[in-house]
Amino acid sequence: MYFMMLGVGLLLLKYLGLGFVADWSWWLVLSPFAMALAWWAWADASGYTKRRVMEKMEQKKQARIDRQRKSMGLKTKR
């Protein structure tokens, strides 16, 4: 996501001709989009994205269990 925000910012600066970015090559300005594409390809291929989603689901599940135990007056596992 950071690469995309950087890319959009650089693209706007280049298009509007503002700052030092106006003198840069288009290849350099568009390179954050290529890096974002490479990052997403790696994250999907390596399973990084799926692991992050599973960790978030596990945290939500544990928080729900802890809330239910607390409402019943039982101690939590933590």
PDB file of N, CA and C in Angstrom:
ATOM      1  N   MET A   1       0.814  -1.186   0.000  1.00  0.00           N
ATOM      2  CA  MET A   1       0.000   0.000   0.000  1.00  0.00           C
ATOM      3  C   MET A   1       0.868   1.263   0.000  1.00  0.00           C
ATOM      4  N   TYR A   2       2.002   1.193   0.707  1.00  0.00           N
ATOM      5  CA  TYR A   2       2.890   2.351   0.754  1.00  0.00           C
ATOM      6  C   TYR A   2       3.477   2.652  -0.618  1.00  0.00           C
ATOM      7  N   PHE A   3       3.806   1.597  -1.369  1.00  0.00           N
ATOM      8  CA  PHE A   3       4.324   1.801  -2.718  1.00  0.00           C
ATOM      9  C   PHE A   3       3.277   2.483  -3.595  1.00  0.00           C
ATOM     10  N   MET A   4       2.019   2.116  -3.424  1.00  0.00           N
ATOM     11  CA  MET A   4       0.957   2.717  -4.228  1.00  0.00           C
ATOM     12  C   MET A   4       0.789   4.196  -3.885  1.00  0.00           C
ATOM     13  N   MET A   5       0.798   4.518  -2.594  1.00  0.00           N
ATOM     14  CA  MET A   5       0.666   5.921  -2.199  1.00  0.00           C
ATOM     15  C   MET A   5       1.849   6.743  -2.696  1.00  0.00           C
ATOM     16  N   LEU A   6       3.057   6.189  -2.589  1.00  0.00           N
ATOM     17  CA  LEU A   6       4.242   6.867  -3.098  1.00  0.00           C
ATOM     18  C   LEU A   6       4.137   7.067  -4.604  1.00  0.00           C
ATOM     19  N   GLY A   7       3.690   6.037  -5.306  1.00  0.00           N
ATOM     20  CA  GLY A   7       3.541   6.125  -6.752  1.00  0.00           C
ATOM     21  C   GLY A   7       2.541   7.180  -7.176  1.00  0.00           C
ATOM     22  N   VAL A   8       1.413   7.235  -6.500  1.00  0.00           N
ATOM     23  CA  VAL A   8       0.391   8.239  -6.839  1.00  0.00           C
ATOM     24  C   VAL A   8       0.927   9.643  -6.564  1.00  0.00           C
ATOM     25  N   GLY A   9       1.620   9.797  -5.439  1.00  0.00           N
ATOM     26  CA  GLY A   9       2.195  11.103  -5.117  1.00  0.00           C
ATOM     27  C   GLY A   9       3.220  11.547  -6.148  1.00  0.00           C
ATOM     28  N   LEU A  10       4.126  10.650  -6.509  1.00  0.00           N
ATOM     29  CA  LEU A  10       5.129  10.986  -7.523  1.00  0.00           C
ATOM     30  C   LEU A  10       4.489  11.251  -8.877  1.00  0.00           C
ATOM     31  N   LEU A  11       3.470  10.475  -9.208  1.00  0.00           N
ATOM     32  CA  LEU A  11       2.770  10.662 -10.481  1.00  0.00           C
ATOM     33  C   LEU A  11       2.118  12.043 -10.557  1.00  0.00           C
ATOM     34  N   LEU A  12       1.479  12.447  -9.476  1.00  0.00           N
ATOM     35  CA  LEU A  12       0.855  13.777  -9.453  1.00  0.00           C
ATOM     36  C   LEU A  12       1.894  14.886  -9.560  1.00  0.00           C
ATOM     37  N   LEU A  13       3.002  14.735  -8.823  1.00  0.00           N
ATOM     38  CA  LEU A  13       4.047  15.754  -8.885  1.00  0.00           C
ATOM     39  C   LEU A  13       4.645  15.855 -10.286  1.00  0.00           C
ATOM     40  N   LYS A  14       4.851  14.720 -10.926  1.00  0.00           N
ATOM     41  CA  LYS A  14       5.411  14.720 -12.283  1.00  0.00           C
ATOM     42  C   LYS A  14       4.417  15.311 -13.273  1.00  0.00           C
ATOM     43  N   TYR A  15       3.172  14.914 -13.188  1.00  0.00           N
ATOM     44  CA  TYR A  15       2.148  15.376 -14.127  1.00  0.00           C
ATOM     45  C   TYR A  15       1.929  16.887 -14.007  1.00  0.00           C
ATOM     46  N   LEU A  16       1.899  17.369 -12.762  1.00  0.00           N
ATOM     47  CA  LEU A  16       1.670  18.796 -12.540  1.00  0.00           C
ATOM     48  C   LEU A  16       2.945  19.618 -12.699  1.00  0.00           C
ATOM     49  N   GLY A  17       4.088  18.950 -12.790  1.00  0.00           N
ATOM     50  CA  GLY A  17       5.349  19.650 -12.985  1.00  0.00           C
ATOM     51  C   GLY A  17       5.831  20.380 -11.748  1.00  0.00           C
ATOM     52  N   LEU A  18       5.538  19.829 -10.585  1.00  0.00           N
ATOM     53  CA  LEU A  18       5.915  20.478  -9.337  1.00  0.00           C
ATOM     54  C   LEU A  18       7.185  19.863  -8.758  1.00  0.00           C
ATOM     55  N   GLY A  19       8.011  20.703  -8.170  1.00  0.00           N
ATOM     56  CA  GLY A  19       9.177  20.233  -7.424  1.00  0.00           C
ATOM     57  C   GLY A  19      10.239  19.605  -8.304  1.00  0.00           C
ATOM     58  N   PHE A  20      11.149  18.927  -7.641  1.00  0.00           N
ATOM     59  CA  PHE A  20      12.263  18.288  -8.331  1.00  0.00           C
ATOM     60  C   PHE A  20      11.838  17.046  -9.106  1.00  0.00           C
ATOM     61  N   VAL A  21      10.654  16.512  -8.818  1.00  0.00           N
ATOM     62  CA  VAL A  21      10.168  15.308  -9.495  1.00  0.00           C
ATOM     63  C   VAL A  21       9.857  15.595 -10.959  1.00  0.00           C
ATOM     64  N   ALA A  22       9.579  16.836 -11.294  1.00  0.00           N
ATOM     65  CA  ALA A  22       9.245  17.203 -12.677  1.00  0.00           C
ATOM     66  C   ALA A  22      10.396  16.908 -13.628  1.00  0.00           C
ATOM     67  N   ASP A  23      11.626  16.923 -13.137  1.00  0.00           N
ATOM     68  CA  ASP A  23      12.794  16.663 -13.984  1.00  0.00           C
ATOM     69  C   ASP A  23      13.142  15.185 -14.080  1.00  0.00           C
ATOM     70  N   TRP A  24      12.494  14.339 -13.306  1.00  0.00           N
ATOM     71  CA  TRP A  24      12.802  12.903 -13.291  1.00  0.00           C
ATOM     72  C   TRP A  24      12.256  12.222 -14.538  1.00  0.00           C
ATOM     73  N   SER A  25      12.833  11.084 -14.855  1.00  0.00           N
ATOM     74  CA  SER A  25      12.347  10.248 -15.949  1.00  0.00           C
ATOM     75  C   SER A  25      11.022   9.603 -15.544  1.00  0.00           C
ATOM     76  N   TRP A  26      10.182   9.325 -16.536  1.00  0.00           N
ATOM     77  CA  TRP A  26       8.908   8.659 -16.248  1.00  0.00           C
ATOM     78  C   TRP A  26       9.136   7.270 -15.672  1.00  0.00           C
ATOM     79  N   TRP A  27      10.219   6.600 -16.094  1.00  0.00           N
ATOM     80  CA  TRP A  27      10.516   5.267 -15.567  1.00  0.00           C
ATOM     81  C   TRP A  27      10.747   5.313 -14.068  1.00  0.00           C
ATOM     82  N   LEU A  28      11.439   6.321 -13.601  1.00  0.00           N
ATOM     83  CA  LEU A  28      11.703   6.459 -12.176  1.00  0.00           C
ATOM     84  C   LEU A  28      10.422   6.793 -11.414  1.00  0.00           C
ATOM     85  N   VAL A  29       9.580   7.618 -12.008  1.00  0.00           N
ATOM     86  CA  VAL A  29       8.323   8.019 -11.361  1.00  0.00           C
ATOM     87  C   VAL A  29       7.359   6.833 -11.248  1.00  0.00           C
ATOM     88  N   LEU A  30       7.352   5.977 -12.256  1.00  0.00           N
ATOM     89  CA  LEU A  30       6.421   4.847 -12.273  1.00  0.00           C
ATOM     90  C   LEU A  30       6.970   3.604 -11.569  1.00  0.00           C
ATOM     91  N   SER A  31       8.216   3.624 -11.134  1.00  0.00           N
ATOM     92  CA  SER A  31       8.818   2.441 -10.508  1.00  0.00           C
ATOM     93  C   SER A  31       8.128   1.982  -9.214  1.00  0.00           C
ATOM     94  N   PRO A  32       7.549   2.873  -8.374  1.00  0.00           N
ATOM     95  CA  PRO A  32       6.840   2.360  -7.192  1.00  0.00           C
ATOM     96  C   PRO A  32       5.667   1.439  -7.536  1.00  0.00           C
ATOM     97  N   PHE A  33       5.034   1.653  -8.691  1.00  0.00           N
ATOM     98  CA  PHE A  33       3.941   0.765  -9.094  1.00  0.00           C
ATOM     99  C   PHE A  33       4.467  -0.630  -9.424  1.00  0.00           C
ATOM    100  N   ALA A  34       5.637  -0.696 -10.054  1.00  0.00           N
ATOM    101  CA  ALA A  34       6.263  -1.993 -10.344  1.00  0.00           C
ATOM    102  C   ALA A  34       6.670  -2.687  -9.051  1.00  0.00           C
ATOM    103  N   MET A  35       7.174  -1.913  -8.092  1.00  0.00           N
ATOM    104  CA  MET A  35       7.553  -2.505  -6.796  1.00  0.00           C
ATOM    105  C   MET A  35       6.330  -3.031  -6.062  1.00  0.00           C
ATOM    106  N   ALA A  36       5.210  -2.312  -6.137  1.00  0.00           N
ATOM    107  CA  ALA A  36       3.976  -2.776  -5.499  1.00  0.00           C
ATOM    108  C   ALA A  36       3.501  -4.073  -6.142  1.00  0.00           C
ATOM    109  N   LEU A  37       3.585  -4.148  -7.443  1.00  0.00           N
ATOM    110  CA  LEU A  37       3.196  -5.364  -8.151  1.00  0.00           C
ATOM    111  C   LEU A  37       4.081  -6.543  -7.735  1.00  0.00           C
ATOM    112  N   ALA A  38       5.380  -6.305  -7.637  1.00  0.00           N
ATOM    113  CA  ALA A  38       6.308  -7.361  -7.213  1.00  0.00           C
ATOM    114  C   ALA A  38       6.026  -7.791  -5.777  1.00  0.00           C
ATOM    115  N   TRP A  39       5.728  -6.831  -4.904  1.00  0.00           N
ATOM    116  CA  TRP A  39       5.419  -7.150  -3.506  1.00  0.00           C
ATOM    117  C   TRP A  39       4.170  -8.015  -3.414  1.00  0.00           C
ATOM    118  N   TRP A  40       3.116  -7.629  -4.126  1.00  0.00           N
ATOM    119  CA  TRP A  40       1.869  -8.399  -4.076  1.00  0.00           C
ATOM    120  C   TRP A  40       2.055  -9.799  -4.640  1.00  0.00           C
ATOM    121  N   ALA A  41       2.830  -9.910  -5.696  1.00  0.00           N
ATOM    122  CA  ALA A  41       3.091 -11.237  -6.268  1.00  0.00           C
ATOM    123  C   ALA A  41       3.842 -12.110  -5.269  1.00  0.00           C
ATOM    124  N   TRP A  42       4.845 -11.546  -4.615  1.00  0.00           N
ATOM    125  CA  TRP A  42       5.612 -12.311  -3.627  1.00  0.00           C
ATOM    126  C   TRP A  42       4.739 -12.680  -2.430  1.00  0.00           C
ATOM    127  N   ALA A  43       3.951 -11.726  -1.931  1.00  0.00           N
ATOM    128  CA  ALA A  43       3.118 -11.974  -0.752  1.00  0.00           C
ATOM    129  C   ALA A  43       2.099 -13.079  -1.012  1.00  0.00           C
ATOM    130  N   ASP A  44       1.518 -13.086  -2.189  1.00  0.00           N
ATOM    131  CA  ASP A  44       0.553 -14.131  -2.527  1.00  0.00           C
ATOM    132  C   ASP A  44       1.229 -15.475  -2.751  1.00  0.00           C
ATOM    133  N   ALA A  45       2.383 -15.469  -3.411  1.00  0.00           N
ATOM    134  CA  ALA A  45       3.073 -16.725  -3.716  1.00  0.00           C
ATOM    135  C   ALA A  45       3.662 -17.374  -2.470  1.00  0.00           C
ATOM    136  N   SER A  46       4.120 -16.566  -1.525  1.00  0.00           N
ATOM    137  CA  SER A  46       4.778 -17.112  -0.334  1.00  0.00           C
ATOM    138  C   SER A  46       3.794 -17.494   0.763  1.00  0.00           C
ATOM    139  N   GLY A  47       2.553 -17.071   0.657  1.00  0.00           N
ATOM    140  CA  GLY A  47       1.577 -17.364   1.690  1.00  0.00           C
ATOM    141  C   GLY A  47       1.546 -16.327   2.794  1.00  0.00           C
ATOM    142  N   TYR A  48       2.296 -15.246   2.646  1.00  0.00           N
ATOM    143  CA  TYR A  48       2.356 -14.192   3.659  1.00  0.00           C
ATOM    144  C   TYR A  48       0.973 -13.597   3.908  1.00  0.00           C
ATOM    145  N   THR A  49       0.240 -13.317   2.856  1.00  0.00           N
ATOM    146  CA  THR A  49      -1.086 -12.708   2.980  1.00  0.00           C
ATOM    147  C   THR A  49      -2.035 -13.631   3.740  1.00  0.00           C
ATOM    148  N   LYS A  50      -2.029 -14.898   3.406  1.00  0.00           N
ATOM    149  CA  LYS A  50      -2.922 -15.860   4.056  1.00  0.00           C
ATOM    150  C   LYS A  50      -2.584 -16.002   5.543  1.00  0.00           C
ATOM    151  N   ARG A  51      -1.283 -16.025   5.867  1.00  0.00           N
ATOM    152  CA  ARG A  51      -0.881 -16.123   7.276  1.00  0.00           C
ATOM    153  C   ARG A  51      -1.362 -14.917   8.063  1.00  0.00           C
ATOM    154  N   ARG A  52      -1.244 -13.731   7.483  1.00  0.00           N
ATOM    155  CA  ARG A  52      -1.690 -12.518   8.175  1.00  0.00           C
ATOM    156  C   ARG A  52      -3.193 -12.565   8.442  1.00  0.00           C
ATOM    157  N   VAL A  53      -3.964 -13.016   7.478  1.00  0.00           N
ATOM    158  CA  VAL A  53      -5.412 -13.111   7.637  1.00  0.00           C
ATOM    159  C   VAL A  53      -5.746 -14.125   8.733  1.00  0.00           C
ATOM    160  N   MET A  54      -5.054 -15.255   8.729  1.00  0.00           N
ATOM    161  CA  MET A  54      -5.316 -16.280   9.740  1.00  0.00           C
ATOM    162  C   MET A  54      -4.942 -15.784  11.140  1.00  0.00           C
ATOM    163  N   GLU A  55      -3.849 -15.025  11.259  1.00  0.00           N
ATOM    164  CA  GLU A  55      -3.469 -14.470  12.558  1.00  0.00           C
ATOM    165  C   GLU A  55      -4.519 -13.499  13.076  1.00  0.00           C
ATOM    166  N   LYS A  56      -5.037 -12.649  12.196  1.00  0.00           N
ATOM    167  CA  LYS A  56      -6.080 -11.706  12.602  1.00  0.00           C
ATOM    168  C   LYS A  56      -7.337 -12.437  13.054  1.00  0.00           C
ATOM    169  N   MET A  57      -7.719 -13.484  12.321  1.00  0.00           N
ATOM    170  CA  MET A  57      -8.904 -14.255  12.698  1.00  0.00           C
ATOM    171  C   MET A  57      -8.700 -14.928  14.054  1.00  0.00           C
ATOM    172  N   GLU A  58      -7.514 -15.447  14.298  1.00  0.00           N
ATOM    173  CA  GLU A  58      -7.216 -16.097  15.570  1.00  0.00           C
ATOM    174  C   GLU A  58      -7.257 -15.097  16.723  1.00  0.00           C
ATOM    175  N   GLN A  59      -6.754 -13.892  16.506  1.00  0.00           N
ATOM    176  CA  GLN A  59      -6.812 -12.860  17.538  1.00  0.00           C
ATOM    177  C   GLN A  59      -8.250 -12.470  17.850  1.00  0.00           C
ATOM    178  N   LYS A  60      -9.074 -12.317  16.816  1.00  0.00           N
ATOM    179  CA  LYS A  60     -10.483 -11.991  17.034  1.00  0.00           C
ATOM    180  C   LYS A  60     -11.187 -13.108  17.790  1.00  0.00           C
ATOM    181  N   LYS A  61     -10.880 -14.341  17.433  1.00  0.00           N
ATOM    182  CA  LYS A  61     -11.487 -15.496  18.092  1.00  0.00           C
ATOM    183  C   LYS A  61     -11.111 -15.518  19.561  1.00  0.00           C
ATOM    184  N   GLN A  62      -9.817 -15.291  19.864  1.00  0.00           N
ATOM    185  CA  GLN A  62      -9.368 -15.314  21.254  1.00  0.00           C
ATOM    186  C   GLN A  62      -9.973 -14.160  22.044  1.00  0.00           C
ATOM    187  N   ALA A  63     -10.093 -13.004  21.436  1.00  0.00           N
ATOM    188  CA  ALA A  63     -10.716 -11.859  22.118  1.00  0.00           C
ATOM    189  C   ALA A  63     -12.177 -12.153  22.430  1.00  0.00           C
ATOM    190  N   ARG A  64     -12.878 -12.797  21.497  1.00  0.00           N
ATOM    191  CA  ARG A  64     -14.282 -13.151  21.719  1.00  0.00           C
ATOM    192  C   ARG A  64     -14.402 -14.163  22.865  1.00  0.00           C
ATOM    193  N   ILE A  65     -13.512 -15.142  22.884  1.00  0.00           N
ATOM    194  CA  ILE A  65     -13.531 -16.141  23.960  1.00  0.00           C
ATOM    195  C   ILE A  65     -13.251 -15.475  25.305  1.00  0.00           C
ATOM    196  N   ASP A  66     -12.252 -14.564  25.325  1.00  0.00           N
ATOM    197  CA  ASP A  66     -11.920 -13.865  26.572  1.00  0.00           C
ATOM    198  C   ASP A  66     -13.082 -13.008  27.067  1.00  0.00           C
ATOM    199  N   ARG A  67     -13.782 -12.329  26.157  1.00  0.00           N
ATOM    200  CA  ARG A  67     -14.950 -11.527  26.559  1.00  0.00           C
ATOM    201  C   ARG A  67     -16.045 -12.407  27.142  1.00  0.00           C
ATOM    202  N   GLN A  68     -16.271 -13.553  26.520  1.00  0.00           N
ATOM    203  CA  GLN A  68     -17.313 -14.455  27.020  1.00  0.00           C
ATOM    204  C   GLN A  68     -16.938 -15.016  28.389  1.00  0.00           C
ATOM    205  N   ARG A  69     -15.680 -15.375  28.578  1.00  0.00           N
ATOM    206  CA  ARG A  69     -15.238 -15.885  29.883  1.00  0.00           C
ATOM    207  C   ARG A  69     -15.371 -14.812  30.959  1.00  0.00           C
ATOM    208  N   LYS A  70     -15.013 -13.580  30.602  1.00  0.00           N
ATOM    209  CA  LYS A  70     -15.096 -12.483  31.549  1.00  0.00           C
ATOM    210  C   LYS A  70     -16.546 -12.227  31.940  1.00  0.00           C
ATOM    211  N   SER A  71     -17.451 -12.278  30.958  1.00  0.00           N
ATOM    212  CA  SER A  71     -18.870 -12.032  31.265  1.00  0.00           C
ATOM    213  C   SER A  71     -19.467 -13.143  32.131  1.00  0.00           C
ATOM    214  N   MET A  72     -18.887 -14.358  32.052  1.00  0.00           N
ATOM    215  CA  MET A  72     -19.353 -15.465  32.891  1.00  0.00           C
ATOM    216  C   MET A  72     -18.641 -15.477  34.248  1.00  0.00           C
ATOM    217  N   GLY A  73     -17.634 -14.613  34.419  1.00  0.00           N
ATOM    218  CA  GLY A  73     -16.928 -14.547  35.679  1.00  0.00           C
ATOM    219  C   GLY A  73     -15.782 -15.516  35.789  1.00  0.00           C
ATOM    220  N   LEU A  74     -15.338 -16.074  34.694  1.00  0.00           N
ATOM    221  CA  LEU A  74     -14.221 -17.004  34.707  1.00  0.00           C
ATOM    222  C   LEU A  74     -12.919 -16.284  34.361  1.00  0.00           C
ATOM    223  N   LYS A  75     -11.815 -16.882  34.753  1.00  0.00           N
ATOM    224  CA  LYS A  75     -10.522 -16.279  34.421  1.00  0.00           C
ATOM    225  C   LYS A  75     -10.177 -16.584  32.960  1.00  0.00           C
ATOM    226  N   THR A  76      -9.469 -15.653  32.347  1.00  0.00           N
ATOM    227  CA  THR A  76      -9.018 -15.888  30.974  1.00  0.00           C
ATOM    228  C   THR A  76      -7.731 -16.678  30.984  1.00  0.00           C
ATOM    229  N   LYS A  77      -7.373 -17.229  29.841  1.00  0.00           N
ATOM    230  CA  LYS A  77      -6.154 -18.035  29.733  1.00  0.00           C
ATOM    231  C   LYS A  77      -4.896 -17.184  29.792  1.00  0.00           C
ATOM    232  N   ARG A  78      -5.005 -15.931  29.476  1.00  0.00           N
ATOM    233  CA  ARG A  78      -3.828 -15.060  29.424  1.00  0.00           C
ATOM    234  C   ARG A  78      -3.346 -14.681  30.789  1.00  0.00           C
TER     235      ARG A  78
END
